[in-house]
PDB file of N, CA and C in Angstrom:
ATOM      1  N   UNK A   1       0.737  -1.036  -0.038  1.00  0.00           N
ATOM      2  CA  UNK A   1       0.355  -0.333  -0.071  1.00  0.00           C
ATOM      3  C   UNK A   1       1.039   1.218   0.036  1.00  0.00           C
ATOM      4  N   UNK A   2       0.695   1.932  -0.981  1.00  0.00           N
ATOM      5  CA  UNK A   2       1.446   3.268  -1.331  1.00  0.00           C
ATOM      6  C   UNK A   2       1.269   4.393   0.021  1.00  0.00           C
ATOM      7  N   UNK A   3       0.077   4.599   0.490  1.00  0.00           N
ATOM      8  CA  UNK A   3      -0.158   5.684   1.408  1.00  0.00           C
ATOM      9  C   UNK A   3      -1.191   5.152   2.272  1.00  0.00           C
ATOM     10  N   UNK A   4      -1.312   5.958   3.239  1.00  0.00           N
ATOM     11  CA  UNK A   4      -2.485   5.544   4.286  1.00  0.00           C
ATOM     12  C   UNK A   4      -4.064   6.098   3.802  1.00  0.00           C
ATOM     13  N   UNK A   5      -3.725   7.198   2.439  1.00  0.00           N
ATOM     14  CA  UNK A   5      -4.927   7.643   2.010  1.00  0.00           C
ATOM     15  C   UNK A   5      -5.399   6.574   1.023  1.00  0.00           C
ATOM     16  N   UNK A   6      -4.724   5.597   0.816  1.00  0.00           N
ATOM     17  CA  UNK A   6      -5.322   4.364  -0.087  1.00  0.00           C
ATOM     18  C   UNK A   6      -5.763   3.288   0.627  1.00  0.00           C
ATOM     19  N   UNK A   7      -5.881   3.195   1.954  1.00  0.00           N
ATOM     20  CA  UNK A   7      -6.190   2.461   2.881  1.00  0.00           C
ATOM     21  C   UNK A   7      -7.740   2.306   2.597  1.00  0.00           C
ATOM     22  N   UNK A   8      -8.350   1.003   2.338  1.00  0.00           N
ATOM     23  CA  UNK A   8      -9.720   0.941   2.258  1.00  0.00           C
ATOM     24  C   UNK A   8     -10.718   1.608   3.062  1.00  0.00           C
ATOM     25  N   UNK A   9     -10.192   1.479   4.355  1.00  0.00           N
ATOM     26  CA  UNK A   9     -11.031   2.269   5.764  1.00  0.00           C
ATOM     27  C   UNK A   9     -10.888   3.752   5.515  1.00  0.00           C
ATOM     28  N   UNK A  10      -9.843   4.202   5.127  1.00  0.00           N
ATOM     29  CA  UNK A  10      -9.845   5.709   4.783  1.00  0.00           C
ATOM     30  C   UNK A  10     -10.618   6.006   3.759  1.00  0.00           C
ATOM     31  N   UNK A  11     -10.689   5.311   2.602  1.00  0.00           N
ATOM     32  CA  UNK A  11     -11.411   5.763   1.369  1.00  0.00           C
ATOM     33  C   UNK A  11     -12.728   5.758   1.711  1.00  0.00           C
ATOM     34  N   UNK A  12     -13.485   4.643   2.593  1.00  0.00           N
ATOM     35  CA  UNK A  12     -14.820   4.610   2.847  1.00  0.00           C
ATOM     36  C   UNK A  12     -15.246   5.954   3.891  1.00  0.00           C
ATOM     37  N   UNK A  13     -14.616   6.145   4.855  1.00  0.00           N
ATOM     38  CA  UNK A  13     -14.663   7.248   5.524  1.00  0.00           C
ATOM     39  C   UNK A  13     -14.854   8.562   4.868  1.00  0.00           C
ATOM     40  N   UNK A  14     -13.855   8.644   4.037  1.00  0.00           N
ATOM     41  CA  UNK A  14     -13.868  10.085   3.127  1.00  0.00           C
ATOM     42  C   UNK A  14     -15.271  10.090   2.027  1.00  0.00           C
ATOM     43  N   UNK A  15     -15.559   9.026   1.356  1.00  0.00           N
ATOM     44  CA  UNK A  15     -16.605   8.797   0.765  1.00  0.00           C
ATOM     45  C   UNK A  15     -18.062   9.354   1.372  1.00  0.00           C
ATOM     46  N   UNK A  16     -17.919   8.660   2.581  1.00  0.00           N
ATOM     47  CA  UNK A  16     -19.229   8.966   3.524  1.00  0.00           C
ATOM     48  C   UNK A  16     -19.177  10.397   3.791  1.00  0.00           C
ATOM     49  N   UNK A  17     -17.983  11.035   4.162  1.00  0.00           N
ATOM     50  CA  UNK A  17     -17.771  12.646   4.613  1.00  0.00           C
ATOM     51  C   UNK A  17     -18.046  13.389   3.650  1.00  0.00           C
ATOM     52  N   UNK A  18     -17.565  13.155   2.480  1.00  0.00           N
ATOM     53  CA  UNK A  18     -17.839  13.774   1.152  1.00  0.00           C
ATOM     54  C   UNK A  18     -19.350  14.260   0.645  1.00  0.00           C
ATOM     55  N   UNK A  19     -19.995  12.953   1.040  1.00  0.00           N
ATOM     56  CA  UNK A  19     -21.379  12.758   0.525  1.00  0.00           C
ATOM     57  C   UNK A  19     -22.469  13.212   1.712  1.00  0.00           C
ATOM     58  N   UNK A  20     -21.866  13.434   3.164  1.00  0.00           N
ATOM     59  CA  UNK A  20     -22.740  13.954   4.069  1.00  0.00           C
ATOM     60  C   UNK A  20     -23.309  15.260   3.845  1.00  0.00           C
ATOM     61  N   UNK A  21     -24.359  15.467   4.141  1.00  0.00           N
ATOM     62  CA  UNK A  21     -24.927  16.876   4.199  1.00  0.00           C
ATOM     63  C   UNK A  21     -25.119  17.629   5.509  1.00  0.00           C
ATOM     64  N   UNK A  22     -24.401  18.561   5.452  1.00  0.00           N
ATOM     65  CA  UNK A  22     -24.451  19.210   6.801  1.00  0.00           C
ATOM     66  C   UNK A  22     -25.537  20.351   6.711  1.00  0.00           C
ATOM     67  N   UNK A  23     -26.806  20.358   7.485  1.00  0.00           N
ATOM     68  CA  UNK A  23     -27.543  21.329   7.499  1.00  0.00           C
ATOM     69  C   UNK A  23     -27.300  22.534   8.499  1.00  0.00           C
ATOM     70  N   UNK A  24     -27.344  23.766   8.440  1.00  0.00           N
ATOM     71  CA  UNK A  24     -27.238  24.559   9.387  1.00  0.00           C
ATOM     72  C   UNK A  24     -28.257  24.727  10.418  1.00  0.00           C
ATOM     73  N   UNK A  25     -27.836  24.976  11.364  1.00  0.00           N
ATOM     74  CA  UNK A  25     -28.742  24.884  12.773  1.00  0.00           C
ATOM     75  C   UNK A  25     -29.570  26.318  12.581  1.00  0.00           C
ATOM     76  N   UNK A  26     -30.573  26.407  12.973  1.00  0.00           N
ATOM     77  CA  UNK A  26     -31.500  27.461  13.404  1.00  0.00           C
ATOM     78  C   UNK A  26     -31.096  28.551  14.099  1.00  0.00           C
ATOM     79  N   UNK A  27     -30.808  27.879  15.373  1.00  0.00           N
ATOM     80  CA  UNK A  27     -30.576  28.532  16.516  1.00  0.00           C
ATOM     81  C   UNK A  27     -28.961  27.964  16.978  1.00  0.00           C
ATOM     82  N   UNK A  28     -28.224  28.833  17.722  1.00  0.00           N
ATOM     83  CA  UNK A  28     -26.805  28.519  18.262  1.00  0.00           C
ATOM     84  C   UNK A  28     -27.064  27.160  18.957  1.00  0.00           C
ATOM     85  N   UNK A  29     -25.962  26.433  19.191  1.00  0.00           N
ATOM     86  CA  UNK A  29     -25.960  25.339  20.255  1.00  0.00           C
ATOM     87  C   UNK A  29     -25.776  26.000  21.445  1.00  0.00           C
ATOM     88  N   UNK A  30     -26.218  25.630  22.589  1.00  0.00           N
ATOM     89  CA  UNK A  30     -26.082  25.771  24.097  1.00  0.00           C
ATOM     90  C   UNK A  30     -24.824  25.436  24.594  1.00  0.00           C
ATOM     91  N   UNK A  31     -23.897  26.122  24.862  1.00  0.00           N
ATOM     92  CA  UNK A  31     -22.662  25.522  25.221  1.00  0.00           C
ATOM     93  C   UNK A  31     -22.531  24.657  26.384  1.00  0.00           C
ATOM     94  N   UNK A  32     -23.513  25.192  27.265  1.00  0.00           N
ATOM     95  CA  UNK A  32     -23.270  24.321  28.441  1.00  0.00           C
ATOM     96  C   UNK A  32     -24.035  22.827  28.349  1.00  0.00           C
ATOM     97  N   UNK A  33     -24.932  22.903  27.518  1.00  0.00           N
ATOM     98  CA  UNK A  33     -25.589  21.636  27.238  1.00  0.00           C
ATOM     99  C   UNK A  33     -24.600  20.866  26.337  1.00  0.00           C
ATOM    100  N   UNK A  34     -23.932  21.355  25.582  1.00  0.00           N
ATOM    101  CA  UNK A  34     -22.996  20.711  24.455  1.00  0.00           C
ATOM    102  C   UNK A  34     -21.821  19.970  25.348  1.00  0.00           C
ATOM    103  N   UNK A  35     -21.671  20.874  26.149  1.00  0.00           N
ATOM    104  CA  UNK A  35     -20.309  20.351  27.180  1.00  0.00           C
ATOM    105  C   UNK A  35     -20.785  19.221  28.074  1.00  0.00           C
ATOM    106  N   UNK A  36     -21.777  19.304  28.478  1.00  0.00           N
ATOM    107  CA  UNK A  36     -22.690  18.008  29.030  1.00  0.00           C
ATOM    108  C   UNK A  36     -22.627  16.788  28.374  1.00  0.00           C
ATOM    109  N   UNK A  37     -23.139  17.155  27.019  1.00  0.00           N
ATOM    110  CA  UNK A  37     -23.300  15.921  26.120  1.00  0.00           C
ATOM    111  C   UNK A  37     -21.771  15.405  25.861  1.00  0.00           C
ATOM    112  N   UNK A  38     -20.801  16.057  25.584  1.00  0.00           N
ATOM    113  CA  UNK A  38     -19.460  15.413  25.419  1.00  0.00           C
ATOM    114  C   UNK A  38     -18.766  14.903  26.867  1.00  0.00           C
ATOM    115  N   UNK A  39     -19.436  15.285  28.084  1.00  0.00           N
ATOM    116  CA  UNK A  39     -18.903  14.387  29.150  1.00  0.00           C
ATOM    117  C   UNK A  39     -19.591  13.270  29.454  1.00  0.00           C
ATOM    118  N   UNK A  40     -20.818  13.348  29.033  1.00  0.00           N
ATOM    119  CA  UNK A  40     -21.588  11.935  29.068  1.00  0.00           C
ATOM    120  C   UNK A  40     -21.073  10.692  27.931  1.00  0.00           C
ATOM    121  N   UNK A  41     -20.580  11.575  27.061  1.00  0.00           N
ATOM    122  CA  UNK A  41     -20.037  10.569  26.082  1.00  0.00           C
ATOM    123  C   UNK A  41     -18.638   9.996  26.569  1.00  0.00           C
ATOM    124  N   UNK A  42     -18.199  10.407  27.416  1.00  0.00           N
ATOM    125  CA  UNK A  42     -16.969  10.082  28.088  1.00  0.00           C
ATOM    126  C   UNK A  42     -15.648  11.065  27.957  1.00  0.00           C
ATOM    127  N   UNK A  43     -15.974  12.092  27.268  1.00  0.00           N
ATOM    128  CA  UNK A  43     -14.731  13.067  27.469  1.00  0.00           C
ATOM    129  C   UNK A  43     -14.355  13.350  28.645  1.00  0.00           C
ATOM    130  N   UNK A  44     -13.222  13.701  29.124  1.00  0.00           N
ATOM    131  CA  UNK A  44     -12.531  13.802  30.497  1.00  0.00           C
ATOM    132  C   UNK A  44     -12.684  15.336  30.739  1.00  0.00           C
ATOM    133  N   UNK A  45     -12.625  16.271  29.504  1.00  0.00           N
ATOM    134  CA  UNK A  45     -12.607  17.451  29.703  1.00  0.00           C
ATOM    135  C   UNK A  45     -13.185  18.066  28.610  1.00  0.00           C
ATOM    136  N   UNK A  46     -13.718  18.937  28.712  1.00  0.00           N
ATOM    137  CA  UNK A  46     -14.187  19.912  27.106  1.00  0.00           C
ATOM    138  C   UNK A  46     -14.282  21.204  27.310  1.00  0.00           C
ATOM    139  N   UNK A  47     -13.961  21.845  26.707  1.00  0.00           N
ATOM    140  CA  UNK A  47     -14.042  23.420  26.473  1.00  0.00           C
ATOM    141  C   UNK A  47     -14.048  23.940  25.299  1.00  0.00           C
ATOM    142  N   UNK A  48     -14.649  25.585  25.199  1.00  0.00           N
ATOM    143  CA  UNK A  48     -15.056  25.878  23.768  1.00  0.00           C
ATOM    144  C   UNK A  48     -14.453  27.006  23.864  1.00  0.00           C
ATOM    145  N   UNK A  49     -14.019  28.064  22.794  1.00  0.00           N
ATOM    146  CA  UNK A  49     -13.306  29.149  22.543  1.00  0.00           C
ATOM    147  C   UNK A  49     -13.876  29.633  21.135  1.00  0.00           C
ATOM    148  N   UNK A  50     -13.919  30.956  21.077  1.00  0.00           N
ATOM    149  CA  UNK A  50     -13.973  31.736  19.860  1.00  0.00           C
ATOM    150  C   UNK A  50     -13.001  31.717  19.090  1.00  0.00           C
ATOM    151  N   UNK A  51     -12.951  31.172  17.558  1.00  0.00           N
ATOM    152  CA  UNK A  51     -11.805  30.994  16.731  1.00  0.00           C
ATOM    153  C   UNK A  51     -11.530  32.478  16.398  1.00  0.00           C
ATOM    154  N   UNK A  52     -12.074  33.427  16.665  1.00  0.00           N
ATOM    155  CA  UNK A  52     -11.656  34.991  16.536  1.00  0.00           C
ATOM    156  C   UNK A  52     -10.654  35.620  17.347  1.00  0.00           C
ATOM    157  N   UNK A  53     -10.212  34.834  18.365  1.00  0.00           N
ATOM    158  CA  UNK A  53      -9.476  35.179  19.570  1.00  0.00           C
ATOM    159  C   UNK A  53      -8.293  35.285  19.037  1.00  0.00           C
ATOM    160  N   UNK A  54      -7.395  36.556  19.110  1.00  0.00           N
ATOM    161  CA  UNK A  54      -5.875  36.582  18.954  1.00  0.00           C
ATOM    162  C   UNK A  54      -5.070  35.823  18.997  1.00  0.00           C
ATOM    163  N   UNK A  55      -5.254  35.080  20.148  1.00  0.00           N
ATOM    164  CA  UNK A  55      -4.344  33.872  20.501  1.00  0.00           C
ATOM    165  C   UNK A  55      -4.317  32.827  19.425  1.00  0.00           C
ATOM    166  N   UNK A  56      -5.394  32.622  18.887  1.00  0.00           N
ATOM    167  CA  UNK A  56      -5.602  31.835  17.897  1.00  0.00           C
ATOM    168  C   UNK A  56      -5.132  32.072  16.313  1.00  0.00           C
ATOM    169  N   UNK A  57      -4.850  33.387  16.050  1.00  0.00           N
ATOM    170  CA  UNK A  57      -4.622  33.790  14.737  1.00  0.00           C
ATOM    171  C   UNK A  57      -3.958  33.166  13.710  1.00  0.00           C
ATOM    172  N   UNK A  58      -2.770  32.242  14.618  1.00  0.00           N
ATOM    173  CA  UNK A  58      -1.811  31.277  13.919  1.00  0.00           C
ATOM    174  C   UNK A  58      -2.626  29.828  13.489  1.00  0.00           C
ATOM    175  N   UNK A  59      -3.392  29.788  14.069  1.00  0.00           N
ATOM    176  CA  UNK A  59      -4.227  28.480  14.105  1.00  0.00           C
ATOM    177  C   UNK A  59      -5.424  28.439  13.132  1.00  0.00           C
ATOM    178  N   UNK A  60      -5.995  29.876  12.754  1.00  0.00           N
ATOM    179  CA  UNK A  60      -7.174  29.983  12.251  1.00  0.00           C
ATOM    180  C   UNK A  60      -7.473  29.195  11.146  1.00  0.00           C
ATOM    181  N   UNK A  61      -6.445  29.226   9.992  1.00  0.00           N
ATOM    182  CA  UNK A  61      -6.422  28.539   8.760  1.00  0.00           C
ATOM    183  C   UNK A  61      -6.857  27.060   8.985  1.00  0.00           C
ATOM    184  N   UNK A  62      -5.889  26.515  10.004  1.00  0.00           N
ATOM    185  CA  UNK A  62      -6.082  25.147  10.115  1.00  0.00           C
ATOM    186  C   UNK A  62      -7.642  24.800  10.766  1.00  0.00           C
ATOM    187  N   UNK A  63      -8.003  25.425  11.572  1.00  0.00           N
ATOM    188  CA  UNK A  63      -9.318  25.328  12.340  1.00  0.00           C
ATOM    189  C   UNK A  63     -10.264  25.387  11.176  1.00  0.00           C
ATOM    190  N   UNK A  64     -10.326  26.533  10.490  1.00  0.00           N
ATOM    191  CA  UNK A  64     -11.181  26.490   9.295  1.00  0.00           C
ATOM    192  C   UNK A  64     -11.041  25.272   8.033  1.00  0.00           C
ATOM    193  N   UNK A  65     -10.090  24.594   7.731  1.00  0.00           N
ATOM    194  CA  UNK A  65      -9.665  23.698   7.245  1.00  0.00           C
ATOM    195  C   UNK A  65     -10.415  22.450   7.878  1.00  0.00           C
ATOM    196  N   UNK A  66     -10.289  21.858   8.931  1.00  0.00           N
ATOM    197  CA  UNK A  66     -10.429  20.810   9.446  1.00  0.00           C
ATOM    198  C   UNK A  66     -11.726  20.875  10.018  1.00  0.00           C
ATOM    199  N   UNK A  67     -12.442  22.102  10.605  1.00  0.00           N
ATOM    200  CA  UNK A  67     -13.846  21.875  11.169  1.00  0.00           C
ATOM    201  C   UNK A  67     -14.728  23.132   9.996  1.00  0.00           C
ATOM    202  N   UNK A  68     -14.989  22.708   8.839  1.00  0.00           N
ATOM    203  CA  UNK A  68     -15.669  23.415   8.124  1.00  0.00           C
ATOM    204  C   UNK A  68     -16.825  23.993   8.573  1.00  0.00           C
ATOM    205  N   UNK A  69     -17.218  25.053   8.074  1.00  0.00           N
ATOM    206  CA  UNK A  69     -18.499  25.849   8.705  1.00  0.00           C
ATOM    207  C   UNK A  69     -19.530  25.169   7.625  1.00  0.00           C
ATOM    208  N   UNK A  70     -20.597  24.744   7.988  1.00  0.00           N
ATOM    209  CA  UNK A  70     -21.864  24.333   7.136  1.00  0.00           C
ATOM    210  C   UNK A  70     -22.039  25.112   5.758  1.00  0.00           C
ATOM    211  N   UNK A  71     -22.015  24.692   4.952  1.00  0.00           N
ATOM    212  CA  UNK A  71     -22.376  25.639   3.444  1.00  0.00           C
ATOM    213  C   UNK A  71     -24.318  26.003   3.851  1.00  0.00           C
ATOM    214  N   UNK A  72     -24.127  27.185   3.541  1.00  0.00           N
ATOM    215  CA  UNK A  72     -25.364  27.975   3.954  1.00  0.00           C
ATOM    216  C   UNK A  72     -26.309  28.071   2.591  1.00  0.00           C
TER     217      UNK A  72
END
């Protein structure tokens, strides 16, 4: 196998994520509700921050690349 991207599991994952339709929410998520959901699902710690914070300026391009906003 030449690369990880050629692995059958990776190919199936990409096919599913490429074809998935993300629908924008009518209302913003409640951060406290989402935090509790993550904790209930087994996360040890959960936090949220605004990607427009100046401290994240150097990471913003990667954040947007990996966590795309849904198309409207």
